[in-house]
PDB file of N, CA and C in Angstrom:
ATOM      1  N   UNK A   1      69.463-137.218 -70.684  1.00  0.00           N
ATOM      2  CA  UNK A   1      70.514-136.220 -70.771  1.00  0.00           C
ATOM      3  C   UNK A   1      71.077-136.157 -72.194  1.00  0.00           C
ATOM      4  N   UNK A   2      71.362-137.323 -72.762  1.00  0.00           N
ATOM      5  CA  UNK A   2      71.892-137.362 -74.121  1.00  0.00           C
ATOM      6  C   UNK A   2      70.861-136.820 -75.100  1.00  0.00           C
ATOM      7  N   UNK A   3      69.603-137.155 -74.860  1.00  0.00           N
ATOM      8  CA  UNK A   3      68.538-136.676 -75.728  1.00  0.00           C
ATOM      9  C   UNK A   3      68.459-135.154 -75.688  1.00  0.00           C
ATOM     10  N   UNK A   4      68.639-134.574 -74.512  1.00  0.00           N
ATOM     11  CA  UNK A   4      68.619-133.114 -74.378  1.00  0.00           C
ATOM     12  C   UNK A   4      69.782-132.491 -75.138  1.00  0.00           C
ATOM     13  N   UNK A   5      70.948-133.095 -75.074  1.00  0.00           N
ATOM     14  CA  UNK A   5      72.115-132.582 -75.804  1.00  0.00           C
ATOM     15  C   UNK A   5      71.894-132.658 -77.311  1.00  0.00           C
ATOM     16  N   UNK A   6      71.312-133.758 -77.769  1.00  0.00           N
ATOM     17  CA  UNK A   6      71.034-133.913 -79.199  1.00  0.00           C
ATOM     18  C   UNK A   6      70.027-132.861 -79.641  1.00  0.00           C
ATOM     19  N   UNK A   7      69.000-132.649 -78.821  1.00  0.00           N
ATOM     20  CA  UNK A   7      67.980-131.650 -79.154  1.00  0.00           C
ATOM     21  C   UNK A   7      68.591-130.251 -79.223  1.00  0.00           C
ATOM     22  N   UNK A   8      69.396-129.897 -78.247  1.00  0.00           N
ATOM     23  CA  UNK A   8      70.024-128.577 -78.236  1.00  0.00           C
ATOM     24  C   UNK A   8      70.985-128.414 -79.407  1.00  0.00           C
ATOM     25  N   UNK A   9      71.688-129.474 -79.751  1.00  0.00           N
ATOM     26  CA  UNK A   9      72.588-129.413 -80.902  1.00  0.00           C
ATOM     27  C   UNK A   9      71.806-129.192 -82.188  1.00  0.00           C
ATOM     28  N   UNK A  10      70.700-129.879 -82.319  1.00  0.00           N
ATOM     29  CA  UNK A  10      69.870-129.720 -83.515  1.00  0.00           C
ATOM     30  C   UNK A  10      69.320-128.304 -83.595  1.00  0.00           C
ATOM     31  N   UNK A  11      68.911-127.758 -82.475  1.00  0.00           N
ATOM     32  CA  UNK A  11      68.401-126.382 -82.455  1.00  0.00           C
ATOM     33  C   UNK A  11      69.489-125.396 -82.851  1.00  0.00           C
ATOM     34  N   UNK A  12      70.667-125.603 -82.349  1.00  0.00           N
ATOM     35  CA  UNK A  12      71.750-124.673 -82.669  1.00  0.00           C
ATOM     36  C   UNK A  12      72.175-124.795 -84.129  1.00  0.00           C
ATOM     37  N   UNK A  13      72.042-125.969 -84.717  1.00  0.00           N
ATOM     38  CA  UNK A  13      72.375-126.136 -86.129  1.00  0.00           C
ATOM     39  C   UNK A  13      71.332-125.489 -87.033  1.00  0.00           C
ATOM     40  N   UNK A  14      70.089-125.512 -86.620  1.00  0.00           N
ATOM     41  CA  UNK A  14      69.027-124.907 -87.424  1.00  0.00           C
ATOM     42  C   UNK A  14      69.016-123.390 -87.308  1.00  0.00           C
ATOM     43  N   UNK A  15      69.476-122.856 -86.240  1.00  0.00           N
ATOM     44  CA  UNK A  15      69.428-121.416 -86.007  1.00  0.00           C
ATOM     45  C   UNK A  15      70.231-120.611 -87.032  1.00  0.00           C
ATOM     46  N   UNK A  16      71.432-121.023 -87.397  1.00  0.00           N
ATOM     47  CA  UNK A  16      72.176-120.232 -88.383  1.00  0.00           C
ATOM     48  C   UNK A  16      71.465-120.104 -89.727  1.00  0.00           C
ATOM     49  N   UNK A  17      70.669-121.103 -90.116  1.00  0.00           N
ATOM     50  CA  UNK A  17      69.930-121.006 -91.368  1.00  0.00           C
ATOM     51  C   UNK A  17      68.950-119.843 -91.315  1.00  0.00           C
ATOM     52  N   UNK A  18      68.282-119.684 -90.191  1.00  0.00           N
ATOM     53  CA  UNK A  18      67.355-118.567 -90.023  1.00  0.00           C
ATOM     54  C   UNK A  18      68.139-117.264 -90.016  1.00  0.00           C
ATOM     55  N   UNK A  19      69.240-117.237 -89.284  1.00  0.00           N
ATOM     56  CA  UNK A  19      70.077-116.045 -89.238  1.00  0.00           C
ATOM     57  C   UNK A  19      70.624-115.716 -90.625  1.00  0.00           C
ATOM     58  N   UNK A  20      71.003-116.735 -91.383  1.00  0.00           N
ATOM     59  CA  UNK A  20      71.538-116.520 -92.723  1.00  0.00           C
ATOM     60  C   UNK A  20      70.465-115.940 -93.635  1.00  0.00           C
ATOM     61  N   UNK A  21      69.242-116.442 -93.518  1.00  0.00           N
ATOM     62  CA  UNK A  21      68.144-115.907 -94.328  1.00  0.00           C
ATOM     63  C   UNK A  21      67.897-114.450 -93.989  1.00  0.00           C
ATOM     64  N   UNK A  22      67.953-114.127 -92.715  1.00  0.00           N
ATOM     65  CA  UNK A  22      67.762-112.746 -92.280  1.00  0.00           C
ATOM     66  C   UNK A  22      68.895-111.866 -92.792  1.00  0.00           C
ATOM     67  N   UNK A  23      70.113-112.363 -92.711  1.00  0.00           N
ATOM     68  CA  UNK A  23      71.263-111.606 -93.216  1.00  0.00           C
ATOM     69  C   UNK A  23      71.169-111.400 -94.721  1.00  0.00           C
ATOM     70  N   UNK A  24      70.724-112.433 -95.447  1.00  0.00           N
ATOM     71  CA  UNK A  24      70.562-112.307 -96.894  1.00  0.00           C
ATOM     72  C   UNK A  24      69.521-111.244 -97.229  1.00  0.00           C
ATOM     73  N   UNK A  25      68.422-111.241 -96.507  1.00  0.00           N
ATOM     74  CA  UNK A  25      67.374-110.248 -96.740  1.00  0.00           C
ATOM     75  C   UNK A  25      67.884-108.845 -96.429  1.00  0.00           C
ATOM     76  N   UNK A  26      68.639-108.705 -95.349  1.00  0.00           N
ATOM     77  CA  UNK A  26      69.203-107.401 -94.996  1.00  0.00           C
ATOM     78  C   UNK A  26      70.212-106.947 -96.038  1.00  0.00           C
ATOM     79  N   UNK A  27      71.021-107.866 -96.535  1.00  0.00           N
ATOM     80  CA  UNK A  27      72.003-107.530 -97.562  1.00  0.00           C
ATOM     81  C   UNK A  27      71.307-107.084 -98.839  1.00  0.00           C
ATOM     82  N   UNK A  28      70.255-107.777 -99.212  1.00  0.00           N
ATOM     83  CA  UNK A  28      69.493-107.392-100.402  1.00  0.00           C
ATOM     84  C   UNK A  28      68.865-106.018-100.214  1.00  0.00           C
ATOM     85  N   UNK A  29      68.335-105.751 -99.027  1.00  0.00           N
ATOM     86  CA  UNK A  29      67.720-104.457 -98.741  1.00  0.00           C
ATOM     87  C   UNK A  29      68.767-103.349 -98.797  1.00  0.00           C
ATOM     88  N   UNK A  30      69.947-103.607 -98.258  1.00  0.00           N
ATOM     89  CA  UNK A  30      71.016-102.614 -98.302  1.00  0.00           C
ATOM     90  C   UNK A  30      71.467-102.352 -99.729  1.00  0.00           C
ATOM     91  N   UNK A  31      71.550-103.398-100.533  1.00  0.00           N
ATOM     92  CA  UNK A  31      71.948-103.241-101.935  1.00  0.00           C
ATOM     93  C   UNK A  31      70.912-102.433-102.701  1.00  0.00           C
ATOM     94  N   UNK A  32      69.639-102.688-102.435  1.00  0.00           N
ATOM     95  CA  UNK A  32      68.571-101.930-103.083  1.00  0.00           C
ATOM     96  C   UNK A  32      68.622-100.466-102.667  1.00  0.00           C
ATOM     97  N   UNK A  33      68.839-100.216-101.373  1.00  0.00           N
ATOM     98  CA  UNK A  33      68.924 -98.839-100.887  1.00  0.00           C
ATOM     99  C   UNK A  33      70.117 -98.123-101.502  1.00  0.00           C
ATOM    100  N   UNK A  34      71.235 -98.805-101.622  1.00  0.00           N
ATOM    101  CA  UNK A  34      72.420 -98.218-102.233  1.00  0.00           C
ATOM    102  C   UNK A  34      72.153 -97.856-103.690  1.00  0.00           C
ATOM    103  N   UNK A  35      71.486 -98.739-104.399  1.00  0.00           N
ATOM    104  CA  UNK A  35      71.158 -98.467-105.803  1.00  0.00           C
ATOM    105  C   UNK A  35      70.234 -97.252-105.920  1.00  0.00           C
ATOM    106  N   UNK A  36      69.256 -97.157-105.031  1.00  0.00           N
ATOM    107  CA  UNK A  36      68.344 -96.010-105.045  1.00  0.00           C
ATOM    108  C   UNK A  36      69.087 -94.718-104.715  1.00  0.00           C
ATOM    109  N   UNK A  37      69.997 -94.780-103.761  1.00  0.00           N
ATOM    110  CA  UNK A  37      70.791 -93.601-103.408  1.00  0.00           C
ATOM    111  C   UNK A  37      71.668 -93.162-104.574  1.00  0.00           C
ATOM    112  N   UNK A  38      72.253 -94.121-105.270  1.00  0.00           N
ATOM    113  CA  UNK A  38      73.095 -93.789-106.419  1.00  0.00           C
ATOM    114  C   UNK A  38      72.277 -93.142-107.529  1.00  0.00           C
ATOM    115  N   UNK A  39      71.075 -93.640-107.756  1.00  0.00           N
ATOM    116  CA  UNK A  39      70.210 -93.049-108.775  1.00  0.00           C
ATOM    117  C   UNK A  39      69.807 -91.629-108.385  1.00  0.00           C
ATOM    118  N   UNK A  40      69.469 -91.425-107.120  1.00  0.00           N
ATOM    119  CA  UNK A  40      69.101 -90.091-106.646  1.00  0.00           C
ATOM    120  C   UNK A  40      70.277 -89.133-106.788  1.00  0.00           C
ATOM    121  N   UNK A  41      71.478 -89.605-106.475  1.00  0.00           N
ATOM    122  CA  UNK A  41      72.673 -88.777-106.605  1.00  0.00           C
ATOM    123  C   UNK A  41      72.888 -88.375-108.061  1.00  0.00           C
ATOM    124  N   UNK A  42      72.757 -89.327-108.968  1.00  0.00           N
ATOM    125  CA  UNK A  42      72.951 -89.041-110.392  1.00  0.00           C
ATOM    126  C   UNK A  42      71.922 -88.029-110.897  1.00  0.00           C
ATOM    127  N   UNK A  43      70.678 -88.175-110.469  1.00  0.00           N
ATOM    128  CA  UNK A  43      69.641 -87.236-110.892  1.00  0.00           C
ATOM    129  C   UNK A  43      69.918 -85.837-110.354  1.00  0.00           C
ATOM    130  N   UNK A  44      70.329 -85.751-109.101  1.00  0.00           N
ATOM    131  CA  UNK A  44      70.646 -84.449-108.513  1.00  0.00           C
ATOM    132  C   UNK A  44      71.839 -83.823-109.222  1.00  0.00           C
ATOM    133  N   UNK A  45      72.813 -84.620-109.549  1.00  0.00           N
ATOM    134  CA  UNK A  45      73.991 -84.129-110.260  1.00  0.00           C
ATOM    135  C   UNK A  45      73.609 -83.608-111.645  1.00  0.00           C
ATOM    136  N   UNK A  46      72.739 -84.321-112.327  1.00  0.00           N
ATOM    137  CA  UNK A  46      72.276 -83.869-113.639  1.00  0.00           C
ATOM    138  C   UNK A  46      71.512 -82.552-113.535  1.00  0.00           C
ATOM    139  N   UNK A  47      70.721 -82.395-112.472  1.00  0.00           N
ATOM    140  CA  UNK A  47      69.991 -81.142-112.272  1.00  0.00           C
ATOM    141  C   UNK A  47      70.955 -79.981-112.080  1.00  0.00           C
ATOM    142  N   UNK A  48      72.011 -80.218-111.337  1.00  0.00           N
ATOM    143  CA  UNK A  48      72.976 -79.153-111.073  1.00  0.00           C
ATOM    144  C   UNK A  48      73.782 -78.805-112.318  1.00  0.00           C
ATOM    145  N   UNK A  49      74.073 -79.795-113.139  1.00  0.00           N
ATOM    146  CA  UNK A  49      74.927 -79.575-114.297  1.00  0.00           C
ATOM    147  C   UNK A  49      74.154 -79.144-115.541  1.00  0.00           C
ATOM    148  N   UNK A  50      72.851 -79.049-115.440  1.00  0.00           N
ATOM    149  CA  UNK A  50      72.050 -78.639-116.588  1.00  0.00           C
ATOM    150  C   UNK A  50      72.447 -77.227-117.004  1.00  0.00           C
ATOM    151  N   UNK A  51      72.474 -76.994-118.309  1.00  0.00           N
ATOM    152  CA  UNK A  51      72.875 -75.688-118.838  1.00  0.00           C
ATOM    153  C   UNK A  51      71.967 -74.582-118.326  1.00  0.00           C
ATOM    154  N   UNK A  52      70.684 -74.853-118.281  1.00  0.00           N
ATOM    155  CA  UNK A  52      69.721 -73.852-117.830  1.00  0.00           C
ATOM    156  C   UNK A  52      69.085 -74.282-116.515  1.00  0.00           C
ATOM    157  N   UNK A  53      69.892 -74.579-115.539  1.00  0.00           N
ATOM    158  CA  UNK A  53      69.382 -75.007-114.237  1.00  0.00           C
ATOM    159  C   UNK A  53      68.715 -73.829-113.540  1.00  0.00           C
ATOM    160  N   UNK A  54      67.495 -74.050-113.097  1.00  0.00           N
ATOM    161  CA  UNK A  54      66.774 -72.998-112.382  1.00  0.00           C
ATOM    162  C   UNK A  54      67.125 -73.067-110.905  1.00  0.00           C
ATOM    163  N   UNK A  55      66.794 -72.003-110.202  1.00  0.00           N
ATOM    164  CA  UNK A  55      67.029 -72.007-108.756  1.00  0.00           C
ATOM    165  C   UNK A  55      66.248 -73.139-108.087  1.00  0.00           C
ATOM    166  N   UNK A  56      65.053 -73.409-108.585  1.00  0.00           N
ATOM    167  CA  UNK A  56      64.248 -74.495-108.014  1.00  0.00           C
ATOM    168  C   UNK A  56      64.939 -75.842-108.219  1.00  0.00           C
ATOM    169  N   UNK A  57      65.509 -76.051-109.406  1.00  0.00           N
ATOM    170  CA  UNK A  57      66.227 -77.306-109.670  1.00  0.00           C
ATOM    171  C   UNK A  57      67.460 -77.433-108.789  1.00  0.00           C
ATOM    172  N   UNK A  58      68.182 -76.334-108.625  1.00  0.00           N
ATOM    173  CA  UNK A  58      69.377 -76.363-107.779  1.00  0.00           C
ATOM    174  C   UNK A  58      69.007 -76.623-106.323  1.00  0.00           C
ATOM    175  N   UNK A  59      67.914 -76.019-105.872  1.00  0.00           N
ATOM    176  CA  UNK A  59      67.467 -76.235-104.492  1.00  0.00           C
ATOM    177  C   UNK A  59      67.023 -77.687-104.298  1.00  0.00           C
ATOM    178  N   UNK A  60      66.338 -78.228-105.295  1.00  0.00           N
ATOM    179  CA  UNK A  60      65.914 -79.624-105.217  1.00  0.00           C
ATOM    180  C   UNK A  60      67.131 -80.551-105.185  1.00  0.00           C
ATOM    181  N   UNK A  61      68.129 -80.268-105.994  1.00  0.00           N
ATOM    182  CA  UNK A  61      69.355 -81.074-105.994  1.00  0.00           C
ATOM    183  C   UNK A  61      70.046 -80.987-104.636  1.00  0.00           C
ATOM    184  N   UNK A  62      70.086 -79.794-104.069  1.00  0.00           N
ATOM    185  CA  UNK A  62      70.703 -79.617-102.753  1.00  0.00           C
ATOM    186  C   UNK A  62      69.963 -80.435-101.701  1.00  0.00           C
ATOM    187  N   UNK A  63      68.642 -80.447-101.784  1.00  0.00           N
ATOM    188  CA  UNK A  63      67.843 -81.223-100.840  1.00  0.00           C
ATOM    189  C   UNK A  63      68.151 -82.713-100.961  1.00  0.00           C
ATOM    190  N   UNK A  64      68.312 -83.190-102.183  1.00  0.00           N
ATOM    191  CA  UNK A  64      68.652 -84.600-102.398  1.00  0.00           C
ATOM    192  C   UNK A  64      70.021 -84.903-101.802  1.00  0.00           C
ATOM    193  N   UNK A  65      71.006 -84.032-102.061  1.00  0.00           N
ATOM    194  CA  UNK A  65      72.342 -84.252-101.502  1.00  0.00           C
ATOM    195  C   UNK A  65      72.303 -84.269 -99.972  1.00  0.00           C
ATOM    196  N   UNK A  66      71.530 -83.363 -99.387  1.00  0.00           N
ATOM    197  CA  UNK A  66      71.437 -83.328 -97.924  1.00  0.00           C
ATOM    198  C   UNK A  66      70.786 -84.594 -97.377  1.00  0.00           C
ATOM    199  N   UNK A  67      69.750 -85.090 -98.053  1.00  0.00           N
ATOM    200  CA  UNK A  67      69.103 -86.313 -97.572  1.00  0.00           C
ATOM    201  C   UNK A  67      70.034 -87.514 -97.715  1.00  0.00           C
ATOM    202  N   UNK A  68      70.826 -87.529 -98.787  1.00  0.00           N
ATOM    203  CA  UNK A  68      71.808 -88.604 -98.939  1.00  0.00           C
ATOM    204  C   UNK A  68      72.859 -88.530 -97.838  1.00  0.00           C
ATOM    205  N   UNK A  69      73.255 -87.325 -97.472  1.00  0.00           N
ATOM    206  CA  UNK A  69      74.223 -87.184 -96.388  1.00  0.00           C
ATOM    207  C   UNK A  69      73.627 -87.669 -95.066  1.00  0.00           C
ATOM    208  N   UNK A  70      72.348 -87.342 -94.832  1.00  0.00           N
ATOM    209  CA  UNK A  70      71.707 -87.800 -93.593  1.00  0.00           C
ATOM    210  C   UNK A  70      71.677 -89.329 -93.533  1.00  0.00           C
ATOM    211  N   UNK A  71      71.456 -89.963 -94.676  1.00  0.00           N
ATOM    212  CA  UNK A  71      71.399 -91.426 -94.717  1.00  0.00           C
ATOM    213  C   UNK A  71      72.790 -92.058 -94.704  1.00  0.00           C
ATOM    214  N   UNK A  72      73.805 -91.311 -95.165  1.00  0.00           N
ATOM    215  CA  UNK A  72      75.172 -91.830 -95.278  1.00  0.00           C
ATOM    216  C   UNK A  72      76.162 -90.797 -94.746  1.00  0.00           C
ATOM    217  N   UNK A  73      76.234 -90.597 -93.446  1.00  0.00           N
ATOM    218  CA  UNK A  73      77.091 -89.537 -92.898  1.00  0.00           C
ATOM    219  C   UNK A  73      78.582 -89.738 -93.161  1.00  0.00           C
ATOM    220  N   UNK A  74      78.986 -90.932 -93.568  1.00  0.00           N
ATOM    221  CA  UNK A  74      80.401 -91.159 -93.881  1.00  0.00           C
ATOM    222  C   UNK A  74      80.793 -90.553 -95.217  1.00  0.00           C
ATOM    223  N   UNK A  75      79.804 -90.201 -96.032  1.00  0.00           N
ATOM    224  CA  UNK A  75      80.083 -89.605 -97.338  1.00  0.00           C
ATOM    225  C   UNK A  75      80.275 -88.103 -97.169  1.00  0.00           C
ATOM    226  N   UNK A  76      81.517 -87.649 -97.192  1.00  0.00           N
ATOM    227  CA  UNK A  76      81.828 -86.243 -96.937  1.00  0.00           C
ATOM    228  C   UNK A  76      81.453 -85.337 -98.092  1.00  0.00           C
ATOM    229  N   UNK A  77      81.403 -85.857 -99.310  1.00  0.00           N
ATOM    230  CA  UNK A  77      81.063 -85.035-100.464  1.00  0.00           C
ATOM    231  C   UNK A  77      79.711 -84.378-100.316  1.00  0.00           C
ATOM    232  N   UNK A  78      78.756 -85.091 -99.761  1.00  0.00           N
ATOM    233  CA  UNK A  78      77.426 -84.518 -99.572  1.00  0.00           C
ATOM    234  C   UNK A  78      77.476 -83.376 -98.565  1.00  0.00           C
ATOM    235  N   UNK A  79      78.284 -83.511 -97.543  1.00  0.00           N
ATOM    236  CA  UNK A  79      78.408 -82.450 -96.555  1.00  0.00           C
ATOM    237  C   UNK A  79      79.032 -81.213 -97.174  1.00  0.00           C
ATOM    238  N   UNK A  80      80.042 -81.386 -97.980  1.00  0.00           N
ATOM    239  CA  UNK A  80      80.694 -80.264 -98.651  1.00  0.00           C
ATOM    240  C   UNK A  80      79.717 -79.590 -99.604  1.00  0.00           C
ATOM    241  N   UNK A  81      78.952 -80.388-100.358  1.00  0.00           N
ATOM    242  CA  UNK A  81      78.005 -79.839-101.320  1.00  0.00           C
ATOM    243  C   UNK A  81      76.873 -79.075-100.650  1.00  0.00           C
ATOM    244  N   UNK A  82      76.511 -79.429 -99.436  1.00  0.00           N
ATOM    245  CA  UNK A  82      75.362 -78.805 -98.800  1.00  0.00           C
ATOM    246  C   UNK A  82      75.755 -77.708 -97.817  1.00  0.00           C
ATOM    247  N   UNK A  83      77.027 -77.443 -97.677  1.00  0.00           N
ATOM    248  CA  UNK A  83      77.481 -76.443 -96.704  1.00  0.00           C
ATOM    249  C   UNK A  83      77.331 -75.038 -97.281  1.00  0.00           C
ATOM    250  N   UNK A  84      76.354 -74.320 -96.777  1.00  0.00           N
ATOM    251  CA  UNK A  84      76.219 -72.911 -97.156  1.00  0.00           C
ATOM    252  C   UNK A  84      75.651 -72.106 -96.022  1.00  0.00           C
TER     253      UNK A  84
END
């Protein structure tokens, strides 16, 4: 009985390390995705603000803003920018 308790305790102590590794990997993935989204936003913004922006560039920027909104629905700016 004591051996079973020791074994279960050891298993429960090892489990958080695996969970922590998974959480770290997820956090890194989220940070990478956020960085990519920020870069895409900046590029779309530059396309829109270009002095000689073509309709194709503006449409491409709008598409980027809409995809960012789909990925981040809490960001209202993308919804406002894509509402037409």
